[in-house]
Amino acid sequence: MLVLSRREGQSIVIGGNVVVTVVSVRGDHVRLGIEAPRSVAVHRQEVAVAIESANREALASSDVDTSSLPIPAAGADGPAGRTASAQPGPPPSR
């Protein structure tokens, strides 16, 4: 895991097309702004896990072979949320 220090207003660039900016730091709360193409799914980790679980449950009730689907590692560099007020939605269609 790469660990970086940033101050309010400072950013990091991931893969040349995702920019993560520290919007504010208040106590132990950090607000991040994420600029990413619409083709890149961005979710808080707990939302991404819930979506993955719901997708697996839906597939388990169908005749689709799920054995080849990736399983995200707990604590891995998972997706983050777009904003604190973002509501979880359906995963992007492929």
PDB file of N, CA and C in Angstrom:
ATOM      1  N   MET A   1       0.858  -1.173   0.000  1.00  0.00           N
ATOM      2  CA  MET A   1       0.000   0.000   0.000  1.00  0.00           C
ATOM      3  C   MET A   1       0.903   1.235   0.000  1.00  0.00           C
ATOM      4  N   LEU A   2       0.612   2.137  -0.878  1.00  0.00           N
ATOM      5  CA  LEU A   2       1.305   3.418  -0.928  1.00  0.00           C
ATOM      6  C   LEU A   2       0.603   4.368   0.027  1.00  0.00           C
ATOM      7  N   VAL A   3       1.362   4.998   0.922  1.00  0.00           N
ATOM      8  CA  VAL A   3       0.796   5.955   1.872  1.00  0.00           C
ATOM      9  C   VAL A   3       1.359   7.333   1.556  1.00  0.00           C
ATOM     10  N   LEU A   4       0.466   8.297   1.320  1.00  0.00           N
ATOM     11  CA  LEU A   4       0.865   9.658   0.982  1.00  0.00           C
ATOM     12  C   LEU A   4       0.300  10.633   2.006  1.00  0.00           C
ATOM     13  N   SER A   5       1.008  11.716   2.238  1.00  0.00           N
ATOM     14  CA  SER A   5       0.488  12.790   3.083  1.00  0.00           C
ATOM     15  C   SER A   5       0.058  13.936   2.181  1.00  0.00           C
ATOM     16  N   ARG A   6      -1.118  14.470   2.419  1.00  0.00           N
ATOM     17  CA  ARG A   6      -1.654  15.595   1.660  1.00  0.00           C
ATOM     18  C   ARG A   6      -2.322  16.546   2.633  1.00  0.00           C
ATOM     19  N   ARG A   7      -2.364  17.813   2.277  1.00  0.00           N
ATOM     20  CA  ARG A   7      -3.060  18.827   3.060  1.00  0.00           C
ATOM     21  C   ARG A   7      -4.316  19.243   2.300  1.00  0.00           C
ATOM     22  N   GLU A   8      -5.197  19.978   2.979  1.00  0.00           N
ATOM     23  CA  GLU A   8      -6.404  20.471   2.312  1.00  0.00           C
ATOM     24  C   GLU A   8      -6.033  21.168   1.019  1.00  0.00           C
ATOM     25  N   GLY A   9      -6.788  20.869  -0.030  1.00  0.00           N
ATOM     26  CA  GLY A   9      -6.566  21.481  -1.335  1.00  0.00           C
ATOM     27  C   GLY A   9      -5.541  20.758  -2.185  1.00  0.00           C
ATOM     28  N   GLN A  10      -4.795  19.827  -1.611  1.00  0.00           N
ATOM     29  CA  GLN A  10      -3.805  19.086  -2.379  1.00  0.00           C
ATOM     30  C   GLN A  10      -4.434  17.821  -2.957  1.00  0.00           C
ATOM     31  N   SER A  11      -3.863  17.337  -4.050  1.00  0.00           N
ATOM     32  CA  SER A  11      -4.437  16.205  -4.775  1.00  0.00           C
ATOM     33  C   SER A  11      -3.405  15.145  -5.073  1.00  0.00           C
ATOM     34  N   ILE A  12      -3.903  13.987  -5.465  1.00  0.00           N
ATOM     35  CA  ILE A  12      -3.073  12.939  -6.052  1.00  0.00           C
ATOM     36  C   ILE A  12      -3.761  12.497  -7.340  1.00  0.00           C
ATOM     37  N   VAL A  13      -2.979  12.000  -8.277  1.00  0.00           N
ATOM     38  CA  VAL A  13      -3.515  11.526  -9.552  1.00  0.00           C
ATOM     39  C   VAL A  13      -3.274  10.026  -9.623  1.00  0.00           C
ATOM     40  N   ILE A  14      -4.322   9.283 -10.003  1.00  0.00           N
ATOM     41  CA  ILE A  14      -4.236   7.835 -10.112  1.00  0.00           C
ATOM     42  C   ILE A  14      -4.493   7.452 -11.568  1.00  0.00           C
ATOM     43  N   GLY A  15      -3.536   6.780 -12.164  1.00  0.00           N
ATOM     44  CA  GLY A  15      -3.712   6.276 -13.523  1.00  0.00           C
ATOM     45  C   GLY A  15      -3.875   7.349 -14.582  1.00  0.00           C
ATOM     46  N   GLY A  16      -3.583   8.588 -14.269  1.00  0.00           N
ATOM     47  CA  GLY A  16      -3.667   9.654 -15.257  1.00  0.00           C
ATOM     48  C   GLY A  16      -5.060  10.203 -15.497  1.00  0.00           C
ATOM     49  N   ASN A  17      -6.103   9.543 -14.976  1.00  0.00           N
ATOM     50  CA  ASN A  17      -7.449  10.044 -15.237  1.00  0.00           C
ATOM     51  C   ASN A  17      -8.342  10.114 -14.003  1.00  0.00           C
ATOM     52  N   VAL A  18      -7.787   9.810 -12.832  1.00  0.00           N
ATOM     53  CA  VAL A  18      -8.540   9.925 -11.580  1.00  0.00           C
ATOM     54  C   VAL A  18      -7.768  10.873 -10.666  1.00  0.00           C
ATOM     55  N   VAL A  19      -8.452  11.918 -10.188  1.00  0.00           N
ATOM     56  CA  VAL A  19      -7.823  12.891  -9.295  1.00  0.00           C
ATOM     57  C   VAL A  19      -8.561  12.856  -7.966  1.00  0.00           C
ATOM     58  N   VAL A  20      -7.809  12.634  -6.882  1.00  0.00           N
ATOM     59  CA  VAL A  20      -8.373  12.622  -5.539  1.00  0.00           C
ATOM     60  C   VAL A  20      -7.823  13.852  -4.815  1.00  0.00           C
ATOM     61  N   THR A  21      -8.741  14.715  -4.342  1.00  0.00           N
ATOM     62  CA  THR A  21      -8.363  15.959  -3.684  1.00  0.00           C
ATOM     63  C   THR A  21      -8.856  15.953  -2.240  1.00  0.00           C
ATOM     64  N   VAL A  22      -8.007  16.375  -1.318  1.00  0.00           N
ATOM     65  CA  VAL A  22      -8.426  16.533   0.078  1.00  0.00           C
ATOM     66  C   VAL A  22      -9.216  17.832   0.141  1.00  0.00           C
ATOM     67  N   VAL A  23     -10.529  17.709   0.375  1.00  0.00           N
ATOM     68  CA  VAL A  23     -11.412  18.876   0.409  1.00  0.00           C
ATOM     69  C   VAL A  23     -11.346  19.550   1.776  1.00  0.00           C
ATOM     70  N   SER A  24     -11.431  18.742   2.844  1.00  0.00           N
ATOM     71  CA  SER A  24     -11.344  19.316   4.185  1.00  0.00           C
ATOM     72  C   SER A  24     -10.932  18.249   5.179  1.00  0.00           C
ATOM     73  N   VAL A  25     -10.341  18.720   6.290  1.00  0.00           N
ATOM     74  CA  VAL A  25      -9.973  17.857   7.406  1.00  0.00           C
ATOM     75  C   VAL A  25     -10.493  18.542   8.659  1.00  0.00           C
ATOM     76  N   ARG A  26     -11.389  17.839   9.366  1.00  0.00           N
ATOM     77  CA  ARG A  26     -11.939  18.359  10.625  1.00  0.00           C
ATOM     78  C   ARG A  26     -11.870  17.247  11.651  1.00  0.00           C
ATOM     79  N   GLY A  27     -10.971  17.383  12.602  1.00  0.00           N
ATOM     80  CA  GLY A  27     -10.804  16.324  13.595  1.00  0.00           C
ATOM     81  C   GLY A  27     -10.364  15.049  12.916  1.00  0.00           C
ATOM     82  N   ASP A  28     -11.125  13.965  13.144  1.00  0.00           N
ATOM     83  CA  ASP A  28     -10.766  12.695  12.522  1.00  0.00           C
ATOM     84  C   ASP A  28     -11.574  12.424  11.246  1.00  0.00           C
ATOM     85  N   HIS A  29     -12.220  13.463  10.700  1.00  0.00           N
ATOM     86  CA  HIS A  29     -12.991  13.325   9.458  1.00  0.00           C
ATOM     87  C   HIS A  29     -12.252  13.994   8.309  1.00  0.00           C
ATOM     88  N   VAL A  30     -12.078  13.246   7.246  1.00  0.00           N
ATOM     89  CA  VAL A  30     -11.421  13.756   6.044  1.00  0.00           C
ATOM     90  C   VAL A  30     -12.424  13.678   4.905  1.00  0.00           C
ATOM     91  N   ARG A  31     -12.653  14.792   4.218  1.00  0.00           N
ATOM     92  CA  ARG A  31     -13.542  14.788   3.042  1.00  0.00           C
ATOM     93  C   ARG A  31     -12.666  14.798   1.805  1.00  0.00           C
ATOM     94  N   LEU A  32     -12.960  13.867   0.910  1.00  0.00           N
ATOM     95  CA  LEU A  32     -12.212  13.736  -0.334  1.00  0.00           C
ATOM     96  C   LEU A  32     -13.107  14.046  -1.506  1.00  0.00           C
ATOM     97  N   GLY A  33     -12.571  14.718  -2.499  1.00  0.00           N
ATOM     98  CA  GLY A  33     -13.256  14.926  -3.768  1.00  0.00           C
ATOM     99  C   GLY A  33     -12.589  14.031  -4.799  1.00  0.00           C
ATOM    100  N   ILE A  34     -13.387  13.345  -5.593  1.00  0.00           N
ATOM    101  CA  ILE A  34     -12.843  12.412  -6.575  1.00  0.00           C
ATOM    102  C   ILE A  34     -13.356  12.787  -7.954  1.00  0.00           C
ATOM    103  N   GLU A  35     -12.445  13.063  -8.853  1.00  0.00           N
ATOM    104  CA  GLU A  35     -12.789  13.325 -10.250  1.00  0.00           C
ATOM    105  C   GLU A  35     -12.361  12.102 -11.048  1.00  0.00           C
ATOM    106  N   ALA A  36     -13.332  11.462 -11.681  1.00  0.00           N
ATOM    107  CA  ALA A  36     -13.040  10.253 -12.459  1.00  0.00           C
ATOM    108  C   ALA A  36     -13.990  10.188 -13.642  1.00  0.00           C
ATOM    109  N   PRO A  37     -13.557   9.544 -14.722  1.00  0.00           N
ATOM    110  CA  PRO A  37     -14.456   9.358 -15.858  1.00  0.00           C
ATOM    111  C   PRO A  37     -15.670   8.536 -15.424  1.00  0.00           C
ATOM    112  N   ARG A  38     -16.799   8.737 -16.076  1.00  0.00           N
ATOM    113  CA  ARG A  38     -18.017   7.987 -15.747  1.00  0.00           C
ATOM    114  C   ARG A  38     -17.816   6.482 -15.888  1.00  0.00           C
ATOM    115  N   SER A  39     -16.856   6.072 -16.709  1.00  0.00           N
ATOM    116  CA  SER A  39     -16.608   4.645 -16.907  1.00  0.00           C
ATOM    117  C   SER A  39     -15.912   3.993 -15.711  1.00  0.00           C
ATOM    118  N   VAL A  40     -15.443   4.804 -14.765  1.00  0.00           N
ATOM    119  CA  VAL A  40     -14.770   4.294 -13.571  1.00  0.00           C
ATOM    120  C   VAL A  40     -15.761   4.306 -12.412  1.00  0.00           C
ATOM    121  N   ALA A  41     -16.059   3.129 -11.873  1.00  0.00           N
ATOM    122  CA  ALA A  41     -16.968   3.043 -10.727  1.00  0.00           C
ATOM    123  C   ALA A  41     -16.245   3.537  -9.478  1.00  0.00           C
ATOM    124  N   VAL A  42     -16.879   4.446  -8.753  1.00  0.00           N
ATOM    125  CA  VAL A  42     -16.307   4.977  -7.519  1.00  0.00           C
ATOM    126  C   VAL A  42     -17.357   4.825  -6.424  1.00  0.00           C
ATOM    127  N   HIS A  43     -17.025   4.020  -5.410  1.00  0.00           N
ATOM    128  CA  HIS A  43     -17.929   3.777  -4.289  1.00  0.00           C
ATOM    129  C   HIS A  43     -17.123   3.731  -2.998  1.00  0.00           C
ATOM    130  N   ARG A  44     -17.775   4.035  -1.879  1.00  0.00           N
ATOM    131  CA  ARG A  44     -17.161   3.764  -0.592  1.00  0.00           C
ATOM    132  C   ARG A  44     -17.002   2.244  -0.511  1.00  0.00           C
ATOM    133  N   GLN A  45     -15.999   1.783   0.225  1.00  0.00           N
ATOM    134  CA  GLN A  45     -15.723   0.352   0.263  1.00  0.00           C
ATOM    135  C   GLN A  45     -16.921  -0.449   0.758  1.00  0.00           C
ATOM    136  N   GLU A  46     -17.610   0.028   1.795  1.00  0.00           N
ATOM    137  CA  GLU A  46     -18.750  -0.732   2.322  1.00  0.00           C
ATOM    138  C   GLU A  46     -19.884  -0.820   1.306  1.00  0.00           C
ATOM    139  N   VAL A  47     -20.040   0.196   0.469  1.00  0.00           N
ATOM    140  CA  VAL A  47     -21.058   0.158  -0.590  1.00  0.00           C
ATOM    141  C   VAL A  47     -20.629  -0.825  -1.680  1.00  0.00           C
ATOM    142  N   ALA A  48     -19.359  -0.804  -2.052  1.00  0.00           N
ATOM    143  CA  ALA A  48     -18.856  -1.722  -3.076  1.00  0.00           C
ATOM    144  C   ALA A  48     -19.027  -3.170  -2.629  1.00  0.00           C
ATOM    145  N   VAL A  49     -18.772  -3.447  -1.340  1.00  0.00           N
ATOM    146  CA  VAL A  49     -18.941  -4.802  -0.810  1.00  0.00           C
ATOM    147  C   VAL A  49     -20.409  -5.202  -0.852  1.00  0.00           C
ATOM    148  N   ALA A  50     -21.311  -4.275  -0.498  1.00  0.00           N
ATOM    149  CA  ALA A  50     -22.747  -4.567  -0.534  1.00  0.00           C
ATOM    150  C   ALA A  50     -23.218  -4.840  -1.961  1.00  0.00           C
ATOM    151  N   ILE A  51     -22.736  -4.068  -2.922  1.00  0.00           N
ATOM    152  CA  ILE A  51     -23.095  -4.271  -4.331  1.00  0.00           C
ATOM    153  C   ILE A  51     -22.592  -5.635  -4.796  1.00  0.00           C
ATOM    154  N   GLU A  52     -21.345  -5.944  -4.457  1.00  0.00           N
ATOM    155  CA  GLU A  52     -20.757  -7.235  -4.838  1.00  0.00           C
ATOM    156  C   GLU A  52     -21.574  -8.383  -4.247  1.00  0.00           C
ATOM    157  N   SER A  53     -21.952  -8.256  -2.984  1.00  0.00           N
ATOM    158  CA  SER A  53     -22.739  -9.292  -2.318  1.00  0.00           C
ATOM    159  C   SER A  53     -24.102  -9.461  -2.993  1.00  0.00           C
ATOM    160  N   ALA A  54     -24.771  -8.342  -3.278  1.00  0.00           N
ATOM    161  CA  ALA A  54     -26.079  -8.391  -3.935  1.00  0.00           C
ATOM    162  C   ALA A  54     -25.965  -9.016  -5.322  1.00  0.00           C
ATOM    163  N   ASN A  55     -24.913  -8.678  -6.035  1.00  0.00           N
ATOM    164  CA  ASN A  55     -24.704  -9.257  -7.369  1.00  0.00           C
ATOM    165  C   ASN A  55     -24.475 -10.760  -7.283  1.00  0.00           C
ATOM    166  N   ARG A  56     -23.688 -11.196  -6.307  1.00  0.00           N
ATOM    167  CA  ARG A  56     -23.422 -12.627  -6.139  1.00  0.00           C
ATOM    168  C   ARG A  56     -24.710 -13.374  -5.770  1.00  0.00           C
ATOM    169  N   GLU A  57     -25.524 -12.773  -4.883  1.00  0.00           N
ATOM    170  CA  GLU A  57     -26.794 -13.401  -4.508  1.00  0.00           C
ATOM    171  C   GLU A  57     -27.716 -13.526  -5.718  1.00  0.00           C
ATOM    172  N   ALA A  58     -27.768 -12.468  -6.526  1.00  0.00           N
ATOM    173  CA  ALA A  58     -28.617 -12.498  -7.722  1.00  0.00           C
ATOM    174  C   ALA A  58     -28.130 -13.566  -8.700  1.00  0.00           C
ATOM    175  N   LEU A  59     -26.818 -13.653  -8.860  1.00  0.00           N
ATOM    176  CA  LEU A  59     -26.272 -14.658  -9.774  1.00  0.00           C
ATOM    177  C   LEU A  59     -26.462 -16.066  -9.226  1.00  0.00           C
ATOM    178  N   ALA A  60     -26.397 -16.225  -7.909  1.00  0.00           N
ATOM    179  CA  ALA A  60     -26.554 -17.549  -7.305  1.00  0.00           C
ATOM    180  C   ALA A  60     -27.960 -18.093  -7.545  1.00  0.00           C
ATOM    181  N   SER A  61     -28.922 -17.199  -7.673  1.00  0.00           N
ATOM    182  CA  SER A  61     -30.289 -17.650  -7.911  1.00  0.00           C
ATOM    183  C   SER A  61     -30.581 -17.850  -9.396  1.00  0.00           C
ATOM    184  N   SER A  62     -29.555 -17.655 -10.228  1.00  0.00           N
ATOM    185  CA  SER A  62     -29.721 -17.874 -11.671  1.00  0.00           C
ATOM    186  C   SER A  62     -28.881 -19.070 -12.087  1.00  0.00           C
ATOM    187  N   ASP A  63     -28.848 -19.348 -13.367  1.00  0.00           N
ATOM    188  CA  ASP A  63     -28.086 -20.481 -13.886  1.00  0.00           C
ATOM    189  C   ASP A  63     -26.701 -20.064 -14.387  1.00  0.00           C
ATOM    190  N   VAL A  64     -26.181 -18.916 -13.921  1.00  0.00           N
ATOM    191  CA  VAL A  64     -24.898 -18.406 -14.385  1.00  0.00           C
ATOM    192  C   VAL A  64     -23.774 -18.945 -13.494  1.00  0.00           C
ATOM    193  N   ASP A  65     -22.668 -19.378 -14.107  1.00  0.00           N
ATOM    194  CA  ASP A  65     -21.505 -19.870 -13.363  1.00  0.00           C
ATOM    195  C   ASP A  65     -20.745 -18.679 -12.796  1.00  0.00           C
ATOM    196  N   THR A  66     -20.662 -18.567 -11.469  1.00  0.00           N
ATOM    197  CA  THR A  66     -20.002 -17.424 -10.821  1.00  0.00           C
ATOM    198  C   THR A  66     -18.590 -17.745 -10.373  1.00  0.00           C
ATOM    199  N   SER A  67     -18.096 -18.934 -10.635  1.00  0.00           N
ATOM    200  CA  SER A  67     -16.784 -19.346 -10.128  1.00  0.00           C
ATOM    201  C   SER A  67     -15.634 -18.513 -10.688  1.00  0.00           C
ATOM    202  N   SER A  68     -15.823 -17.888 -11.827  1.00  0.00           N
ATOM    203  CA  SER A  68     -14.740 -17.107 -12.423  1.00  0.00           C
ATOM    204  C   SER A  68     -14.774 -15.636 -12.024  1.00  0.00           C
ATOM    205  N   LEU A  69     -15.755 -15.232 -11.199  1.00  0.00           N
ATOM    206  CA  LEU A  69     -15.832 -13.833 -10.776  1.00  0.00           C
ATOM    207  C   LEU A  69     -14.751 -13.530  -9.755  1.00  0.00           C
ATOM    208  N   PRO A  70     -14.134 -12.323  -9.826  1.00  0.00           N
ATOM    209  CA  PRO A  70     -13.098 -11.968  -8.861  1.00  0.00           C
ATOM    210  C   PRO A  70     -13.704 -11.734  -7.482  1.00  0.00           C
ATOM    211  N   ILE A  71     -12.932 -12.045  -6.453  1.00  0.00           N
ATOM    212  CA  ILE A  71     -13.357 -11.790  -5.078  1.00  0.00           C
ATOM    213  C   ILE A  71     -12.414 -10.739  -4.517  1.00  0.00           C
ATOM    214  N   PRO A  72     -12.931  -9.522  -4.196  1.00  0.00           N
ATOM    215  CA  PRO A  72     -12.057  -8.468  -3.680  1.00  0.00           C
ATOM    216  C   PRO A  72     -11.532  -8.842  -2.299  1.00  0.00           C
ATOM    217  N   ALA A  73     -10.256  -8.558  -2.063  1.00  0.00           N
ATOM    218  CA  ALA A  73      -9.650  -8.840  -0.764  1.00  0.00           C
ATOM    219  C   ALA A  73     -10.094  -7.805   0.251  1.00  0.00           C
ATOM    220  N   ALA A  74     -10.379  -8.224   1.454  1.00  0.00           N
ATOM    221  CA  ALA A  74     -10.773  -7.287   2.512  1.00  0.00           C
ATOM    222  C   ALA A  74      -9.613  -6.362   2.815  1.00  0.00           C
ATOM    223  N   GLY A  75      -9.900  -5.079   2.873  1.00  0.00           N
ATOM    224  CA  GLY A  75      -8.867  -4.099   3.184  1.00  0.00           C
ATOM    225  C   GLY A  75      -7.977  -3.748   2.007  1.00  0.00           C
ATOM    226  N   ALA A  76      -8.240  -4.310   0.854  1.00  0.00           N
ATOM    227  CA  ALA A  76      -7.439  -3.985  -0.326  1.00  0.00           C
ATOM    228  C   ALA A  76      -7.747  -2.562  -0.755  1.00  0.00           C
ATOM    229  N   ASP A  77      -6.981  -2.054  -1.658  1.00  0.00           N
ATOM    230  CA  ASP A  77      -7.205  -0.699  -2.152  1.00  0.00           C
ATOM    231  C   ASP A  77      -8.523  -0.681  -2.896  1.00  0.00           C
ATOM    232  N   GLY A  78      -9.609  -0.598  -2.162  1.00  0.00           N
ATOM    233  CA  GLY A  78     -10.947  -0.652  -2.742  1.00  0.00           C
ATOM    234  C   GLY A  78     -11.431   0.704  -3.166  1.00  0.00           C
ATOM    235  N   PRO A  79     -12.568   0.744  -3.792  1.00  0.00           N
ATOM    236  CA  PRO A  79     -13.151   1.992  -4.247  1.00  0.00           C
ATOM    237  C   PRO A  79     -13.556   2.874  -3.083  1.00  0.00           C
ATOM    238  N   ALA A  80     -13.667   4.132  -3.349  1.00  0.00           N
ATOM    239  CA  ALA A  80     -14.101   5.098  -2.337  1.00  0.00           C
ATOM    240  C   ALA A  80     -15.362   5.788  -2.822  1.00  0.00           C
ATOM    241  N   GLY A  81     -16.053   6.460  -1.934  1.00  0.00           N
ATOM    242  CA  GLY A  81     -17.317   7.108  -2.302  1.00  0.00           C
ATOM    243  C   GLY A  81     -17.123   8.402  -3.057  1.00  0.00           C
ATOM    244  N   ARG A  82     -18.087   8.769  -3.896  1.00  0.00           N
ATOM    245  CA  ARG A  82     -18.028  10.023  -4.638  1.00  0.00           C
ATOM    246  C   ARG A  82     -18.194  11.205  -3.694  1.00  0.00           C
ATOM    247  N   THR A  83     -19.189  11.176  -2.843  1.00  0.00           N
ATOM    248  CA  THR A  83     -19.374  12.219  -1.840  1.00  0.00           C
ATOM    249  C   THR A  83     -20.002  11.589  -0.617  1.00  0.00           C
ATOM    250  N   ALA A  84     -19.953  12.293   0.492  1.00  0.00           N
ATOM    251  CA  ALA A  84     -20.530  11.757   1.717  1.00  0.00           C
ATOM    252  C   ALA A  84     -22.034  11.572   1.575  1.00  0.00           C
ATOM    253  N   SER A  85     -22.673  12.351   0.709  1.00  0.00           N
ATOM    254  CA  SER A  85     -24.123  12.263   0.581  1.00  0.00           C
ATOM    255  C   SER A  85     -24.565  11.383  -0.589  1.00  0.00           C
ATOM    256  N   ALA A  86     -23.606  10.752  -1.254  1.00  0.00           N
ATOM    257  CA  ALA A  86     -23.964   9.926  -2.416  1.00  0.00           C
ATOM    258  C   ALA A  86     -24.789   8.719  -1.978  1.00  0.00           C
ATOM    259  N   GLN A  87     -25.835   8.444  -2.713  1.00  0.00           N
ATOM    260  CA  GLN A  87     -26.666   7.279  -2.436  1.00  0.00           C
ATOM    261  C   GLN A  87     -26.181   6.143  -3.308  1.00  0.00           C
ATOM    262  N   PRO A  88     -26.101   4.928  -2.754  1.00  0.00           N
ATOM    263  CA  PRO A  88     -25.660   3.811  -3.582  1.00  0.00           C
ATOM    264  C   PRO A  88     -26.636   3.560  -4.716  1.00  0.00           C
ATOM    265  N   GLY A  89     -26.112   3.231  -5.849  1.00  0.00           N
ATOM    266  CA  GLY A  89     -26.946   2.956  -7.007  1.00  0.00           C
ATOM    267  C   GLY A  89     -26.550   1.630  -7.615  1.00  0.00           C
ATOM    268  N   PRO A  90     -27.164   1.295  -8.707  1.00  0.00           N
ATOM    269  CA  PRO A  90     -26.817   0.044  -9.357  1.00  0.00           C
ATOM    270  C   PRO A  90     -25.414   0.113  -9.939  1.00  0.00           C
ATOM    271  N   PRO A  91     -24.740  -1.010 -10.054  1.00  0.00           N
ATOM    272  CA  PRO A  91     -23.415  -0.984 -10.656  1.00  0.00           C
ATOM    273  C   PRO A  91     -23.513  -0.601 -12.118  1.00  0.00           C
ATOM    274  N   PRO A  92     -22.453   0.003 -12.664  1.00  0.00           N
ATOM    275  CA  PRO A  92     -22.493   0.412 -14.070  1.00  0.00           C
ATOM    276  C   PRO A  92     -22.630  -0.791 -14.984  1.00  0.00           C
ATOM    277  N   SER A  93     -23.367  -0.622 -16.066  1.00  0.00           N
ATOM    278  CA  SER A  93     -23.508  -1.716 -17.018  1.00  0.00           C
ATOM    279  C   SER A  93     -22.237  -1.813 -17.840  1.00  0.00           C
ATOM    280  N   ARG A  94     -21.932  -3.002 -18.246  1.00  0.00           N
ATOM    281  CA  ARG A  94     -20.675  -3.208 -19.008  1.00  0.00           C
ATOM    282  C   ARG A  94     -20.983  -3.521 -20.430  1.00  0.00           C
TER     283      ARG A  94
END
